[in-house]
Each structure stands twice: as structure tokens, then as C-alpha cells.
Amino acid sequence: MSTPHSKSSSPFRQPKAVWAVAFACVISFMGIGLVDPILPALAENLHASPSQVSLLFSSYLIVTAVAMLIVGWFSSRFGAKRTLVIGLTVIVVFSALAGSTGSINGIVGFRAGWGLGNALFIATSLAVIVASASGGFGGAIILYETALGLGIAVGPLLGGELGAISWRGPFFGVAVLMAIALVATLAFVPPLPKPERRTSPVAPLRALRHRGLLTMGIMALLYNWGFFTMLGYAPYPMELGAHQLGLVFTGWGLLVAAFSVLFAPRLQARFGTAKVLYANLLGLSIVMAIIAAGVTTPTVVIVAVIVSGAFIGINNTLTTQAVMLVSPVERPVASSAYGFLRFIGGGLAPYVAGKLADATDLSVPFYLGAATFFLAIPVLASGHRLLARAEAGTLEPESAPAPADAGTPAATDARG
């Protein structure tokens, strides 16, 4: 989410604690696209079908989704730093185990453990950055989005380089880098105070009774269905090696980063959140339909995937902000509830896409993804008035988040 920040204080002049967590964020976000370049290699070397390989995404994201419901409860009891450390440790252990196993089922299982660590870390990292950063909330958000963009852009490139050596390389690479981030967190992040009020483990589910939050959550579920269908299945029709796939998804990631940080705020300021999201979701639906229609032509798929990065970058920034605008509950609770729905969509999509591809042909999952992007438009439109009122400042939250509360996630980013 992009927020105005003070011009007198650079968001990049920060204490060591902030840089330690920001570095860990870069590595964590690299995991979004790190495995993409090795998906065909995994299928070939482990004698697995694309639908079996797709479970790497499903197990990871479904566990992340369920864990999102308890992260606020966990961090409010054990503190933000301890939650970060536990999350990073879990990622290090399970990414290393994924690289050491010799079966696709083993990787799928260890990716599930990785998802648990990812939920603990990602949901808490922004809260720590906000609590520790100089320059206020706006500066912290700029730094966080920069980490996101860098991670998304570099992840496929590193995955392609390491994957060209061995399919195990990206998994071990994550383990090493996250171990460095773990040491930096232990050394430079000070103990942060626990929140005065503990979060109930059922609070996120209760929050979904609010129409605005539920509407945005369903919209994000549909969006992430299309997004992870593309991420999980686009590498196969490209017919490229690991290194070349890494370059393709690096180009995609650079557009995600640029449009998320530089263009989304400008479009929002000129046209408003809802109008930009309508046009953006329609654009994604068209791009996905082009991938489906041209699935037998690698060049069409490659160009369409790279172009989709622009739309995804805009969507990532504006959906996060829209959730925080319409939510009438505390930001940590809203984040957990929203994260649960969106990750469920992302987790189920690759599995369903695999089954559809096995039963029909590879174009069908992409057509379904195009349909889910398009269906997200009327879902969002059903909450248009709520979003417009919130953007105008006339929709008041029931309880404002405590700015110094770093014991629970400040805002779970809506990243596909």
C-alpha cells in the first residue's frame, strides 16, 4: 500500500533493525517466483506430472492461509521478534529439507512446513518495520514495497541460475539466505513490547461478517486463483530451460515492482481505487485469455506473462490499500482474515488447474483463470459504495489500530 510520506526524511535512512527485517523480506518475497524456473525440471527429474508439481504451490499456500488465522494470536502472546525468529527458523529448516529429498511428495510436504514459517514471518515483518522505522508509516511502507519488488524481480533470476545447476539449488539457496536473515534478525532487531491486548484466535473469522472485508476477500480469492494458475502453469508451454525461464520471470517481476511502487499511486490519485481496479482486472482477464488461446505458441505465452506483471503490480498495491480502507476492524485482524481468503484461492487454483489440464488440455486452466479475473469485477462492484465512502473518509473504522503495536501484523500485504 502506498502512503504519502514525509519529504524531510528518506525512507532509506533506517536503523539496523529495519534493514535486517527488510533483507529477510526480500528473501521471503523471492520465494514467490524462485521455484518457477525449475517446475519443468522437477517434473522431468522426479518423473512427476505438472499436476503433481503444482502441489508445491497448493501445500505451501493452503498452510499459509490457515496459519494466517492464528498468527495474530501467536505474536500477541510471544512477541514480534520471537515470532519472526520462529518463522525464519521454520523456513530455513523446511527449505533445506525440500532440497534434500528425492521425491515430489517429499517436496510437497516440506513446502507445507515452509508455508507455516512464511505466514509467521510475512504477517509480522511489516509490523516490525513500522514500529522500528524512522520517517513514519509512509516511509516504512515505501521500504516494504521496495523489498517486495526487489524480491519478486530477483527471485526468478536466482532460481534460474541455481536451477540450471540442479533443481535442488533454489531450495538450498533459500535456506542459506534465510539463515543469514535469521542471524541478522537475532543480532539487530531489539525485543519489541507485546501489545496490551491479546488477539483472539477467532477474531479473523468473526471479522468476515463485515460486508466490506468479505467482499474484498472474495475478490482477492478470485484474483489469486487466476494469478497462481498463471504462475504455476505458464512455465510449461514456454518450453524454455531453467536459466531462460528465470529471465522471463525476472522481466515479469521488474514490471510488478515498477507498477506497484511508481504507477499504482499515480493512477489511484487520478482515477480512484475502484475504477483502476475494474480496468486492471479486465486487463488481466484479457491477458489470461490470450495465454489460453496461444498456449501452443511459446512466444505468445512469454510476452503475455511479462506484460501481466504491470497489471499484477497495480493490483497488489491497490487491493491492499482497499482492504485497509473498507475494513471496520483493527488492521491486524483485517489482514489475517483477508490473507486467509486470498491464500485459499491461490492454494486451490494450481491443484484444480492440474486436474483440468490432465482431463482436457493446457488451455482450459488459463480460460478458467481469465474467468476468475473477470468475475472479480462484479464482486468488487458490489462493494463500490463502501469503498467510495472509505476513500472519501466518511467510513469510520470501529476500532483503530494502535500505531505502536508491533506484536501483531500491521498489514499483511496482498501479494499474489
Foldseek 3Di string as FASTA:
>chain_A
DADDFDPVDALPPFFLLLVLLLLLLLLLLLVLQQLLLCLVVCCVQQVHDLLLSLLLLQLLLLLLLLLLLCLLQVLLVVPLLVLQLVLLVQLLVLLLQLLPDRHSVSVSVSSNSNSNSSNSNLLQSLLLLQQRTPRHNNSSVLSNLLSNLNSQLCSLQQSLVLVVVPSSRSSNVSSVSSVVSSVSSVVGRDTADRDPDRDDSCLLVVLCVQLQLVLLLLLLLLLLLLVLLCSSQLSVLLPDHSNVRSVLSSLLSNLLSCLQNPPLVVVCVVPNLLVLLLVLLLLSLVLLLQCLVCSNPNVSSSVSSSVNSNSQSNCQNSSQVLQVLLRQDEQLSSQSNSSSSNSNSNSVNSNVQSVVCVVDNNSVSSNSSSVSSNVSSVSVVVCVVSSVCSVVVNDHHNDYYDSNRSSTRRHNGSHD
